[in-house]
Amino acid sequence: MNTFSFFLKILLIIFIVFPVFSDSSLALEKGEKAIDFTLKTTEDIEFNLESLKGKVIVLTFWTTWCSYCQEEMAELKKFYIGEKSKDIEVIGVNITSSENSQKEVIQFVKQSKLPFSVALDVNGEVSKSYQVIGIPTNYIIDKTGTIKDKILGPVTAERLHQALLDL
């Protein structure tokens, strides 16, 4: 009986641990092509990532209830205002599926006076395809649509400037 119990425990551990490692291998990393998506913005305009090809893109996944995300929005705003004359776009992808309401997101964007587009990931499909496991998560995408950097956690305008120097 002890051998059978031990064998069962080993099998259970394998079935629990294996999916964790297999999922992490699917995460998008540096050097891979960014996955195209189409979402509506807070202004009810259809947005497509592919339409920004030829520009450097800062793609940030966030929510309104995340305090780090709120701080990051101020940094992204500062960065965007300083860089908007260049071929650089900032796109906020709000993980709306984890929000209380879409209305709260729109209100936050208006109150914060965010100068960049915020797309609404209403059913969480885009955040799933980008394997977002924590917020904020930021991707730096070059002009060819290749991921050049992935930053987990909040970024500063200075950190983004540094990432652009490395392109």
Foldseek 3Di string as FASTA:
>chain_A
DVVVVVVVVVVVVCVVPVVVVVLVVLADFFFAFQDWDWFAWLVRHIDIPVVLQQAKEKEKEAEPVDPQVVVLLVQVQVLCVVCVVGRYAYEYEYAQCPDPHSVVVSVSCVVVVRPHTYGYNNNRPSCVSNVDPAPTWIFIAHNRRGTHHIDHTGDGSVRVVVSVVVD
